[in-house]
Amino acid sequence: MVQVDLIIKTDEEVKKEFNSICEKLGMDMSVIINLFMKAVIREQRVPFDLALNPNKETIEAIEDVKKGKNLSKTFNNFEEMMEDLDV
């Protein structure tokens, strides 16, 4: 696949802050922008949020798992699960 340059204009401070977050995520700006463009094409919408810190819902879910709360029933095998689902 042939790679082409993409030139975008942005505020200097925005670029600095964006680059800092990209580095903290372990990626460069080009990788993040390519991920974004491919996801937009695939999902036909602005599809995701990359965050350095989990949101409130994710934090609550992590805490639930640690406490063993709100977990689904466990099964020993696939057949057991399907039987429980009445499939």
Protein backbone atom coordinates (compact mmCIF):
# COMPACT_ATOMS: atom_id res chain seq x y z
CA MET A 1 0.00 0.00 0.00
CA VAL A 2 1.36 3.39 -0.97
CA GLN A 3 1.68 5.82 1.91
CA VAL A 4 0.89 9.49 1.35
CA ASP A 5 1.43 12.58 3.44
CA LEU A 6 -1.50 14.20 5.19
CA ILE A 7 -1.05 17.83 6.15
CA ILE A 8 -3.33 19.25 8.79
CA LYS A 9 -3.36 22.63 10.48
CA THR A 10 -3.83 22.98 14.21
CA ASP A 11 -2.97 25.29 17.04
CA GLU A 12 0.60 24.88 18.34
CA GLU A 13 -0.56 24.22 21.91
CA VAL A 14 -3.10 21.63 20.72
CA LYS A 15 -0.33 19.81 18.83
CA LYS A 16 1.92 19.87 21.90
CA GLU A 17 -0.76 18.53 24.22
CA PHE A 18 -1.89 15.90 21.70
CA ASN A 19 1.68 14.71 21.17
CA SER A 20 2.19 14.46 24.94
CA ILE A 21 -0.89 12.22 25.33
CA CYS A 22 0.16 10.09 22.34
CA GLU A 23 3.55 9.53 23.93
CA LYS A 24 1.95 8.54 27.24
CA LEU A 25 -0.17 6.01 25.32
CA GLY A 26 3.04 4.68 23.73
CA MET A 27 2.21 5.80 20.19
CA ASP A 28 3.11 8.69 17.95
CA MET A 29 0.64 11.16 16.48
CA SER A 30 0.66 9.46 13.08
CA VAL A 31 -0.35 6.10 14.56
CA ILE A 32 -3.22 7.64 16.56
CA ILE A 33 -4.52 9.63 13.59
CA ASN A 34 -4.37 6.51 11.37
CA LEU A 35 -6.22 4.48 14.01
CA PHE A 36 -8.86 7.18 14.16
CA MET A 37 -9.30 7.39 10.37
CA LYS A 38 -9.57 3.60 9.97
CA ALA A 39 -12.11 3.39 12.78
CA VAL A 40 -14.21 6.18 11.26
CA ILE A 41 -14.22 4.34 7.93
CA ARG A 42 -15.03 0.99 9.53
CA GLU A 43 -17.79 2.25 11.82
CA GLN A 44 -19.05 5.17 9.72
CA ARG A 45 -18.96 7.41 12.80
CA VAL A 46 -16.53 8.92 15.29
CA PRO A 47 -16.08 5.61 17.08
CA PHE A 48 -13.96 5.70 20.19
CA ASP A 49 -12.35 7.52 23.05
CA LEU A 50 -8.71 6.88 23.96
CA ALA A 51 -8.22 7.92 27.56
CA LEU A 52 -5.32 7.85 29.94
CA ASN A 53 -7.68 7.27 32.85
CA PRO A 54 -10.74 5.02 32.90
CA ASN A 55 -14.14 6.73 33.12
CA LYS A 56 -16.49 6.37 36.11
CA GLU A 57 -18.41 3.43 34.60
CA THR A 58 -15.19 1.50 33.94
CA ILE A 59 -13.86 2.19 37.44
CA GLU A 60 -17.14 0.91 38.92
CA ALA A 61 -16.99 -2.23 36.76
CA ILE A 62 -13.40 -2.91 37.86
CA GLU A 63 -14.41 -2.51 41.51
CA ASP A 64 -17.37 -4.88 40.99
CA VAL A 65 -15.07 -7.54 39.57
CA LYS A 66 -12.64 -7.14 42.47
CA LYS A 67 -15.55 -7.58 44.92
CA GLY A 68 -17.16 -10.38 42.91
CA LYS A 69 -20.32 -8.29 42.39
CA ASN A 70 -22.58 -8.16 39.30
CA LEU A 71 -20.76 -11.02 37.60
CA SER A 72 -22.43 -13.40 35.21
CA LYS A 73 -23.00 -17.01 36.16
CA THR A 74 -20.07 -19.31 35.44
CA PHE A 75 -20.18 -22.56 33.49
CA ASN A 76 -17.90 -25.57 33.27
CA ASN A 77 -18.31 -25.92 29.51
CA PHE A 78 -20.03 -24.54 26.43
CA GLU A 79 -22.87 -27.07 26.55
CA GLU A 80 -23.74 -26.06 30.12
CA MET A 81 -23.94 -22.44 29.08
CA MET A 82 -26.14 -23.20 26.06
CA GLU A 83 -28.42 -25.33 28.23
CA ASP A 84 -28.80 -22.46 30.69
CA LEU A 85 -29.71 -20.17 27.79
CA ASP A 86 -32.32 -22.70 26.60
CA VAL A 87 -30.67 -22.85 23.20
